[in-house]
Amino acid sequence: QVQLVESGGGLVQAGGSLRLSCAASPSRIIFSNYNMAWYRQAPGKQRELVATIFTNGLTDCAVSVKGRFTISRDNPKNPVYLQMNSLTPEDTAVYYCNTYPPSSWGQGTRVTVSS
């Protein structure tokens, strides 16, 4: 069973940036064969899809993050990254990487944006 481990979260001031990363075990998995995505769950809210990268390399983002967040992967064995710029307090959430559609969830990485 593949496990995904998210990292890169933290506390940042509004307007700042963070880059989230996702490691996978076993690492021999070729993630470019899968549609991958980042999701987030803010306190008291349902988990939502943030950004998706498809097997053909095309990407898509939620309207709320378009122009600020970029999803990418740099080689077939690295699942996915999320570059987050111009962060706002509304971006505060636990962020998860997963396949699209999602399978089992990891622990996520917490992002807190202070005003």
Protein backbone atom coordinates (compact mmCIF):
# COMPACT_ATOMS: atom_id res chain seq x y z
CA GLN A 1 0.00 0.00 0.00
CA VAL A 2 1.31 3.43 -0.94
CA GLN A 3 1.70 5.98 1.83
CA LEU A 4 1.96 9.69 1.11
CA VAL A 5 3.71 12.01 3.55
CA GLU A 6 3.23 15.74 3.24
CA SER A 7 5.74 18.33 4.46
CA GLY A 8 6.57 22.02 4.18
CA GLY A 9 3.75 23.52 6.19
CA GLY A 10 4.23 26.08 8.92
CA LEU A 11 3.35 29.51 10.19
CA VAL A 12 3.67 32.39 7.75
CA GLN A 13 2.50 35.97 7.63
CA ALA A 14 -0.10 37.10 5.14
CA GLY A 15 1.52 37.78 1.80
CA GLY A 16 4.19 35.16 2.38
CA SER A 17 4.96 31.94 0.54
CA LEU A 18 5.37 28.27 1.30
CA ARG A 19 6.23 25.24 -0.80
CA LEU A 20 4.63 21.98 0.15
CA SER A 21 6.17 18.64 -0.79
CA CYS A 22 4.91 15.10 -0.84
CA ALA A 23 7.00 11.97 -0.38
CA ALA A 24 5.79 8.51 -1.18
CA SER A 25 6.54 5.06 0.09
CA PRO A 26 7.37 2.86 -1.71
CA SER A 27 9.42 5.32 -3.72
CA ARG A 28 9.47 3.08 -6.76
CA ILE A 29 5.95 4.18 -7.58
CA ILE A 30 5.80 6.11 -10.87
CA PHE A 31 3.50 8.94 -9.91
CA SER A 32 3.42 10.47 -13.33
CA ASN A 33 1.10 7.55 -14.14
CA TYR A 34 -1.47 9.01 -11.75
CA ASN A 35 -3.50 12.15 -11.59
CA MET A 36 -2.33 13.83 -8.37
CA ALA A 37 -3.80 16.63 -6.34
CA TRP A 38 -3.51 18.78 -3.27
CA TYR A 39 -6.49 19.11 -0.98
CA ARG A 40 -7.03 21.16 2.17
CA GLN A 41 -9.30 21.19 5.16
CA ALA A 42 -9.78 24.40 7.07
CA PRO A 43 -11.01 24.37 10.68
CA GLY A 44 -14.72 23.59 10.80
CA LYS A 45 -14.96 23.08 7.03
CA GLN A 46 -15.08 20.15 4.66
CA ARG A 47 -11.99 19.04 2.80
CA GLU A 48 -11.72 20.67 -0.60
CA LEU A 49 -9.75 20.18 -3.78
CA VAL A 50 -7.07 22.85 -4.24
CA ALA A 51 -5.11 21.88 -7.33
CA THR A 52 -4.71 18.95 -9.69
CA ILE A 53 -2.00 17.79 -12.07
CA PHE A 54 -3.03 15.24 -14.65
CA THR A 55 -0.98 12.50 -16.25
CA ASN A 56 -0.70 14.59 -19.42
CA GLY A 57 0.88 17.42 -17.44
CA LEU A 58 -2.09 19.74 -17.50
CA THR A 59 -3.01 21.43 -14.24
CA ASP A 60 -6.08 22.96 -12.71
CA CYS A 61 -6.66 25.02 -9.58
CA ALA A 62 -9.61 26.06 -7.49
CA VAL A 63 -10.82 29.55 -8.25
CA SER A 64 -9.86 30.69 -4.73
CA VAL A 65 -6.17 29.96 -5.34
CA LYS A 66 -5.83 30.54 -9.07
CA GLY A 67 -2.90 32.82 -9.84
CA ARG A 68 -1.39 32.26 -6.38
CA PHE A 69 -0.84 28.49 -6.11
CA THR A 70 1.02 26.29 -8.56
CA ILE A 71 1.02 22.52 -8.59
CA SER A 72 3.95 20.72 -10.18
CA ARG A 73 6.17 17.66 -10.19
CA ASP A 74 9.76 17.57 -11.36
CA ASN A 75 10.24 13.91 -12.17
CA PRO A 76 8.04 10.83 -12.46
CA LYS A 77 8.92 9.54 -8.97
CA ASN A 78 8.16 12.72 -7.05
CA PRO A 79 4.41 12.89 -6.53
CA VAL A 80 3.63 16.55 -6.39
CA TYR A 81 4.59 19.98 -5.03
CA LEU A 82 2.44 22.97 -4.22
CA GLN A 83 3.97 26.43 -4.43
CA MET A 84 1.79 28.84 -2.51
CA ASN A 85 2.30 32.57 -2.89
CA SER A 86 0.44 35.62 -1.61
CA LEU A 87 -0.99 33.59 1.25
CA THR A 88 -3.98 34.93 3.15
CA PRO A 89 -5.50 33.87 6.49
CA GLU A 90 -8.23 32.13 4.47
CA ASP A 91 -5.57 29.68 3.27
CA THR A 92 -5.08 28.39 6.81
CA ALA A 93 -5.77 24.65 6.70
CA VAL A 94 -4.27 21.20 6.82
CA TYR A 95 -3.03 20.36 3.32
CA TYR A 96 -3.00 16.84 1.92
CA CYS A 97 -1.60 15.33 -1.24
CA ASN A 98 -3.43 12.41 -2.77
CA THR A 99 -4.43 10.89 -6.03
CA TYR A 100 -7.31 12.36 -7.98
CA PRO A 101 -9.83 11.04 -7.18
CA PRO A 102 -8.49 10.52 -3.66
CA SER A 103 -7.63 7.23 -2.04
CA SER A 104 -6.46 6.80 1.57
CA TRP A 105 -5.45 9.98 3.38
CA GLY A 106 -2.14 10.79 5.06
CA GLN A 107 -1.60 13.06 8.07
CA GLY A 108 -1.33 16.24 6.05
CA THR A 109 0.79 19.29 6.77
CA ARG A 110 -0.60 22.28 8.63
CA VAL A 111 -0.41 25.76 7.13
CA THR A 112 -1.23 28.73 9.32
CA VAL A 113 -1.32 32.22 7.85
CA SER A 114 -1.36 35.10 10.30
CA SER A 115 -2.82 38.48 9.46
